[in-house]
Amino acid sequence: MTLEELNQKVLSGEFSYQEFETFYRNSIDEFSEFQKILEEATNVTRNDKDKFQTLLRLVSGKNSSDLIEKLKKLGYRYRKSNNSSLKEAFTNMGYRLLEQTRATKRDDVFYGLLRIFVAAKEKFPLDLVEAFKPYYSDELFKVFLFSFLSGVLGQEELTSNEEN
């Protein structure tokens, strides 16, 4: 459904919440896909490289808030996971990862997380891969990882609305 079609439904009075929610989720997915294509274009372009990089930073900034929420929920799911080796590894390494994140040691944090997932025979999450991309500032990188680790190490429960 396009934005114009959604607007026409509103004007005619024949719309539902589900249509708005579906449009919103599709828009987020489409914008994320646009960022991936823009990233590739930035990597391969020979012309206007600075302009592409500036646009990529703008787009990635817009997607950042969604990624923060995804990472927190992802961390929470791993905390509630049935994989005991994964939970134990995060218990043992979590505070070290927090300190390495605070010190902006991206390579060390990535290596530590990768070891945890490989040892637990779990696939490394794509949302975590996204957090390590170099076009995100160090400050944003810290927010991403702190969000994920707060979900893994935190004590609070998410409400059913936050889980979705």
C-alpha atoms as a PDB file:
ATOM      1  CA  MET A   1       0.000   0.000   0.000  1.00  0.00           C
ATOM      2  CA  THR A   2       1.291   3.432  -0.884  1.00  0.00           C
ATOM      3  CA  LEU A   3       1.059   6.568   1.219  1.00  0.00           C
ATOM      4  CA  GLU A   4      -1.456   8.006  -1.251  1.00  0.00           C
ATOM      5  CA  GLU A   5      -3.652   4.895  -0.952  1.00  0.00           C
ATOM      6  CA  LEU A   6      -3.525   5.142   2.827  1.00  0.00           C
ATOM      7  CA  ASN A   7      -4.495   8.811   2.629  1.00  0.00           C
ATOM      8  CA  GLN A   8      -7.450   7.960   0.364  1.00  0.00           C
ATOM      9  CA  LYS A   9      -8.656   5.379   2.887  1.00  0.00           C
ATOM     10  CA  VAL A  10      -8.544   7.993   5.635  1.00  0.00           C
ATOM     11  CA  LEU A  11     -10.444  10.506   3.503  1.00  0.00           C
ATOM     12  CA  SER A  12     -13.125   7.908   2.733  1.00  0.00           C
ATOM     13  CA  GLY A  13     -13.298   6.835   6.380  1.00  0.00           C
ATOM     14  CA  GLU A  14     -12.542   3.204   5.518  1.00  0.00           C
ATOM     15  CA  PHE A  15      -9.292   2.413   7.293  1.00  0.00           C
ATOM     16  CA  SER A  16      -8.048   0.253  10.133  1.00  0.00           C
ATOM     17  CA  TYR A  17      -5.252   0.366  12.650  1.00  0.00           C
ATOM     18  CA  GLN A  18      -3.761  -2.783  11.082  1.00  0.00           C
ATOM     19  CA  GLU A  19      -3.306  -0.950   7.762  1.00  0.00           C
ATOM     20  CA  PHE A  20      -1.355   1.813   9.495  1.00  0.00           C
ATOM     21  CA  GLU A  21       0.785  -0.635  11.438  1.00  0.00           C
ATOM     22  CA  THR A  22       1.546  -2.655   8.294  1.00  0.00           C
ATOM     23  CA  PHE A  23       2.443   0.492   6.370  1.00  0.00           C
ATOM     24  CA  TYR A  24       4.740   1.595   9.191  1.00  0.00           C
ATOM     25  CA  ARG A  25       6.558  -1.756   9.384  1.00  0.00           C
ATOM     26  CA  ASN A  26       6.958  -1.882   5.600  1.00  0.00           C
ATOM     27  CA  SER A  27       8.313   1.678   5.591  1.00  0.00           C
ATOM     28  CA  ILE A  28      10.936   0.790   8.205  1.00  0.00           C
ATOM     29  CA  ASP A  29      11.995  -2.292   6.239  1.00  0.00           C
ATOM     30  CA  GLU A  30      12.164  -0.311   3.008  1.00  0.00           C
ATOM     31  CA  PHE A  31      14.219   2.466   4.608  1.00  0.00           C
ATOM     32  CA  SER A  32      16.638  -0.107   6.046  1.00  0.00           C
ATOM     33  CA  GLU A  33      16.998  -1.671   2.609  1.00  0.00           C
ATOM     34  CA  PHE A  34      17.618   1.796   1.149  1.00  0.00           C
ATOM     35  CA  GLN A  35      20.440   2.251   3.663  1.00  0.00           C
ATOM     36  CA  LYS A  36      22.058  -1.034   2.567  1.00  0.00           C
ATOM     37  CA  ILE A  37      21.883  -0.031  -1.105  1.00  0.00           C
ATOM     38  CA  LEU A  38      23.230   3.441  -0.302  1.00  0.00           C
ATOM     39  CA  GLU A  39      26.090   1.873   1.658  1.00  0.00           C
ATOM     40  CA  GLU A  40      27.024  -0.246  -1.358  1.00  0.00           C
ATOM     41  CA  ALA A  41      26.777   2.761  -3.685  1.00  0.00           C
ATOM     42  CA  THR A  42      29.031   4.732  -1.337  1.00  0.00           C
ATOM     43  CA  ASN A  43      31.608   1.943  -1.400  1.00  0.00           C
ATOM     44  CA  VAL A  44      31.742   1.602  -5.180  1.00  0.00           C
ATOM     45  CA  THR A  45      31.260   5.173  -6.378  1.00  0.00           C
ATOM     46  CA  ARG A  46      34.091   7.145  -7.869  1.00  0.00           C
ATOM     47  CA  ASN A  47      32.097  10.366  -8.166  1.00  0.00           C
ATOM     48  CA  ASP A  48      30.633  12.464  -5.356  1.00  0.00           C
ATOM     49  CA  LYS A  49      32.012  10.118  -2.665  1.00  0.00           C
ATOM     50  CA  ASP A  50      31.735  12.870  -0.005  1.00  0.00           C
ATOM     51  CA  LYS A  51      28.090  13.531  -0.886  1.00  0.00           C
ATOM     52  CA  PHE A  52      27.264   9.827  -0.702  1.00  0.00           C
ATOM     53  CA  GLN A  53      28.989   9.510   2.669  1.00  0.00           C
ATOM     54  CA  THR A  54      27.092  12.516   4.025  1.00  0.00           C
ATOM     55  CA  LEU A  55      23.780  11.071   2.852  1.00  0.00           C
ATOM     56  CA  LEU A  56      24.694   7.669   4.326  1.00  0.00           C
ATOM     57  CA  ARG A  57      25.365   9.288   7.713  1.00  0.00           C
ATOM     58  CA  LEU A  58      21.960  11.019   7.568  1.00  0.00           C
ATOM     59  CA  VAL A  59      20.142   7.820   6.644  1.00  0.00           C
ATOM     60  CA  SER A  60      21.988   5.704   9.201  1.00  0.00           C
ATOM     61  CA  GLY A  61      21.201   8.285  11.874  1.00  0.00           C
ATOM     62  CA  LYS A  62      17.502   7.944  11.092  1.00  0.00           C
ATOM     63  CA  ASN A  63      17.691   4.161  11.346  1.00  0.00           C
ATOM     64  CA  SER A  64      19.678   4.298  14.592  1.00  0.00           C
ATOM     65  CA  SER A  65      16.735   4.673  16.957  1.00  0.00           C
ATOM     66  CA  ASP A  66      15.069   1.599  15.486  1.00  0.00           C
ATOM     67  CA  LEU A  67      18.306  -0.364  15.824  1.00  0.00           C
ATOM     68  CA  ILE A  68      18.654   0.641  19.483  1.00  0.00           C
ATOM     69  CA  GLU A  69      15.236  -0.833  20.249  1.00  0.00           C
ATOM     70  CA  LYS A  70      15.921  -3.979  18.211  1.00  0.00           C
ATOM     71  CA  LEU A  71      19.192  -4.571  20.049  1.00  0.00           C
ATOM     72  CA  LYS A  72      17.618  -4.170  23.482  1.00  0.00           C
ATOM     73  CA  LYS A  73      14.870  -6.648  22.590  1.00  0.00           C
ATOM     74  CA  LEU A  74      17.441  -9.008  21.084  1.00  0.00           C
ATOM     75  CA  GLY A  75      19.477  -8.908  24.286  1.00  0.00           C
ATOM     76  CA  TYR A  76      16.358  -9.592  26.330  1.00  0.00           C
ATOM     77  CA  ARG A  77      15.541 -12.628  24.147  1.00  0.00           C
ATOM     78  CA  TYR A  78      19.040 -14.020  24.693  1.00  0.00           C
ATOM     79  CA  ARG A  79      18.667 -13.513  28.446  1.00  0.00           C
ATOM     80  CA  LYS A  80      15.431 -15.525  28.322  1.00  0.00           C
ATOM     81  CA  SER A  81      16.916 -18.095  25.927  1.00  0.00           C
ATOM     82  CA  ASN A  82      17.002 -21.816  26.686  1.00  0.00           C
ATOM     83  CA  ASN A  83      20.646 -21.953  25.580  1.00  0.00           C
ATOM     84  CA  SER A  84      22.399 -22.282  28.947  1.00  0.00           C
ATOM     85  CA  SER A  85      25.916 -21.971  27.497  1.00  0.00           C
ATOM     86  CA  LEU A  86      24.965 -18.674  25.868  1.00  0.00           C
ATOM     87  CA  LYS A  87      23.457 -17.325  29.081  1.00  0.00           C
ATOM     88  CA  GLU A  88      26.470 -18.457  31.115  1.00  0.00           C
ATOM     89  CA  ALA A  89      28.889 -16.867  28.633  1.00  0.00           C
ATOM     90  CA  PHE A  90      27.088 -13.536  28.855  1.00  0.00           C
ATOM     91  CA  THR A  91      27.078 -13.788  32.640  1.00  0.00           C
ATOM     92  CA  ASN A  92      30.829 -14.409  32.642  1.00  0.00           C
ATOM     93  CA  MET A  93      31.812 -11.937  29.914  1.00  0.00           C
ATOM     94  CA  GLY A  94      29.066  -9.321  30.073  1.00  0.00           C
ATOM     95  CA  TYR A  95      30.766  -6.835  32.344  1.00  0.00           C
ATOM     96  CA  ARG A  96      34.049  -7.137  30.449  1.00  0.00           C
ATOM     97  CA  LEU A  97      32.144  -6.372  27.256  1.00  0.00           C
ATOM     98  CA  LEU A  98      30.560  -3.364  28.966  1.00  0.00           C
ATOM     99  CA  GLU A  99      33.981  -2.020  29.912  1.00  0.00           C
ATOM    100  CA  GLN A 100      35.421  -2.640  26.446  1.00  0.00           C
ATOM    101  CA  THR A 101      32.414  -0.880  24.929  1.00  0.00           C
ATOM    102  CA  ARG A 102      32.904   2.074  27.272  1.00  0.00           C
ATOM    103  CA  ALA A 103      36.519   2.269  26.099  1.00  0.00           C
ATOM    104  CA  THR A 104      35.323   2.064  22.456  1.00  0.00           C
ATOM    105  CA  LYS A 105      37.359  -1.056  21.731  1.00  0.00           C
ATOM    106  CA  ARG A 106      35.206  -2.140  18.802  1.00  0.00           C
ATOM    107  CA  ASP A 107      37.502  -4.974  17.708  1.00  0.00           C
ATOM    108  CA  ASP A 108      37.703  -6.443  21.207  1.00  0.00           C
ATOM    109  CA  VAL A 109      33.940  -6.213  21.716  1.00  0.00           C
ATOM    110  CA  PHE A 110      33.259  -7.833  18.353  1.00  0.00           C
ATOM    111  CA  TYR A 111      35.748 -10.600  19.078  1.00  0.00           C
ATOM    112  CA  GLY A 112      34.253 -11.222  22.528  1.00  0.00           C
ATOM    113  CA  LEU A 113      30.709 -11.396  21.175  1.00  0.00           C
ATOM    114  CA  LEU A 114      31.759 -13.593  18.275  1.00  0.00           C
ATOM    115  CA  ARG A 115      33.450 -16.026  20.688  1.00  0.00           C
ATOM    116  CA  ILE A 116      30.288 -16.184  22.795  1.00  0.00           C
ATOM    117  CA  PHE A 117      28.066 -16.962  19.807  1.00  0.00           C
ATOM    118  CA  VAL A 118      30.454 -19.454  18.218  1.00  0.00           C
ATOM    119  CA  ALA A 119      30.976 -21.308  21.509  1.00  0.00           C
ATOM    120  CA  ALA A 120      27.204 -21.457  22.046  1.00  0.00           C
ATOM    121  CA  LYS A 121      26.699 -22.635  18.444  1.00  0.00           C
ATOM    122  CA  GLU A 122      24.447 -19.670  17.742  1.00  0.00           C
ATOM    123  CA  LYS A 123      24.311 -17.565  14.597  1.00  0.00           C
ATOM    124  CA  PHE A 124      25.780 -14.068  15.051  1.00  0.00           C
ATOM    125  CA  PRO A 125      22.803 -11.655  14.806  1.00  0.00           C
ATOM    126  CA  LEU A 126      22.708  -9.329  11.800  1.00  0.00           C
ATOM    127  CA  ASP A 127      21.463  -6.450  13.972  1.00  0.00           C
ATOM    128  CA  LEU A 128      24.664  -6.745  16.014  1.00  0.00           C
ATOM    129  CA  VAL A 129      26.733  -6.752  12.826  1.00  0.00           C
ATOM    130  CA  GLU A 130      24.989  -3.510  11.870  1.00  0.00           C
ATOM    131  CA  ALA A 131      26.047  -1.885  15.164  1.00  0.00           C
ATOM    132  CA  PHE A 132      29.727  -2.358  14.283  1.00  0.00           C
ATOM    133  CA  LYS A 133      29.617  -0.644  10.891  1.00  0.00           C
ATOM    134  CA  PRO A 134      32.224   2.108  10.708  1.00  0.00           C
ATOM    135  CA  TYR A 135      29.921   4.915   9.590  1.00  0.00           C
ATOM    136  CA  TYR A 136      28.312   4.958  13.037  1.00  0.00           C
ATOM    137  CA  SER A 137      30.061   7.304  15.443  1.00  0.00           C
ATOM    138  CA  ASP A 138      31.817   5.946  18.524  1.00  0.00           C
ATOM    139  CA  GLU A 139      29.081   7.422  20.711  1.00  0.00           C
ATOM    140  CA  LEU A 140      26.342   5.707  18.721  1.00  0.00           C
ATOM    141  CA  PHE A 141      28.300   2.447  18.760  1.00  0.00           C
ATOM    142  CA  LYS A 142      28.362   2.644  22.565  1.00  0.00           C
ATOM    143  CA  VAL A 143      24.620   3.272  22.727  1.00  0.00           C
ATOM    144  CA  PHE A 144      23.963   0.283  20.454  1.00  0.00           C
ATOM    145  CA  LEU A 145      26.095  -2.082  22.510  1.00  0.00           C
ATOM    146  CA  PHE A 146      24.907  -0.746  25.860  1.00  0.00           C
ATOM    147  CA  SER A 147      21.324  -1.292  24.673  1.00  0.00           C
ATOM    148  CA  PHE A 148      22.057  -4.872  23.689  1.00  0.00           C
ATOM    149  CA  LEU A 149      24.021  -5.622  26.850  1.00  0.00           C
ATOM    150  CA  SER A 150      21.380  -4.019  29.070  1.00  0.00           C
ATOM    151  CA  GLY A 151      18.885  -6.442  27.560  1.00  0.00           C
ATOM    152  CA  VAL A 152      21.198  -9.400  28.169  1.00  0.00           C
ATOM    153  CA  LEU A 153      22.392  -8.395  31.647  1.00  0.00           C
ATOM    154  CA  GLY A 154      19.420  -6.351  32.912  1.00  0.00           C
ATOM    155  CA  GLN A 155      16.967  -7.350  35.570  1.00  0.00           C
ATOM    156  CA  GLU A 156      13.800  -5.584  34.421  1.00  0.00           C
ATOM    157  CA  GLU A 157      11.075  -7.354  32.526  1.00  0.00           C
ATOM    158  CA  LEU A 158       9.784  -6.039  29.221  1.00  0.00           C
ATOM    159  CA  THR A 159       6.061  -5.487  28.963  1.00  0.00           C
ATOM    160  CA  SER A 160       4.188  -7.446  26.318  1.00  0.00           C
ATOM    161  CA  ASN A 161       4.021  -4.251  24.216  1.00  0.00           C
ATOM    162  CA  GLU A 162       7.827  -3.860  24.305  1.00  0.00           C
ATOM    163  CA  GLU A 163       8.375  -7.491  23.284  1.00  0.00           C
ATOM    164  CA  ASN A 164       6.626  -6.930  19.947  1.00  0.00           C
END
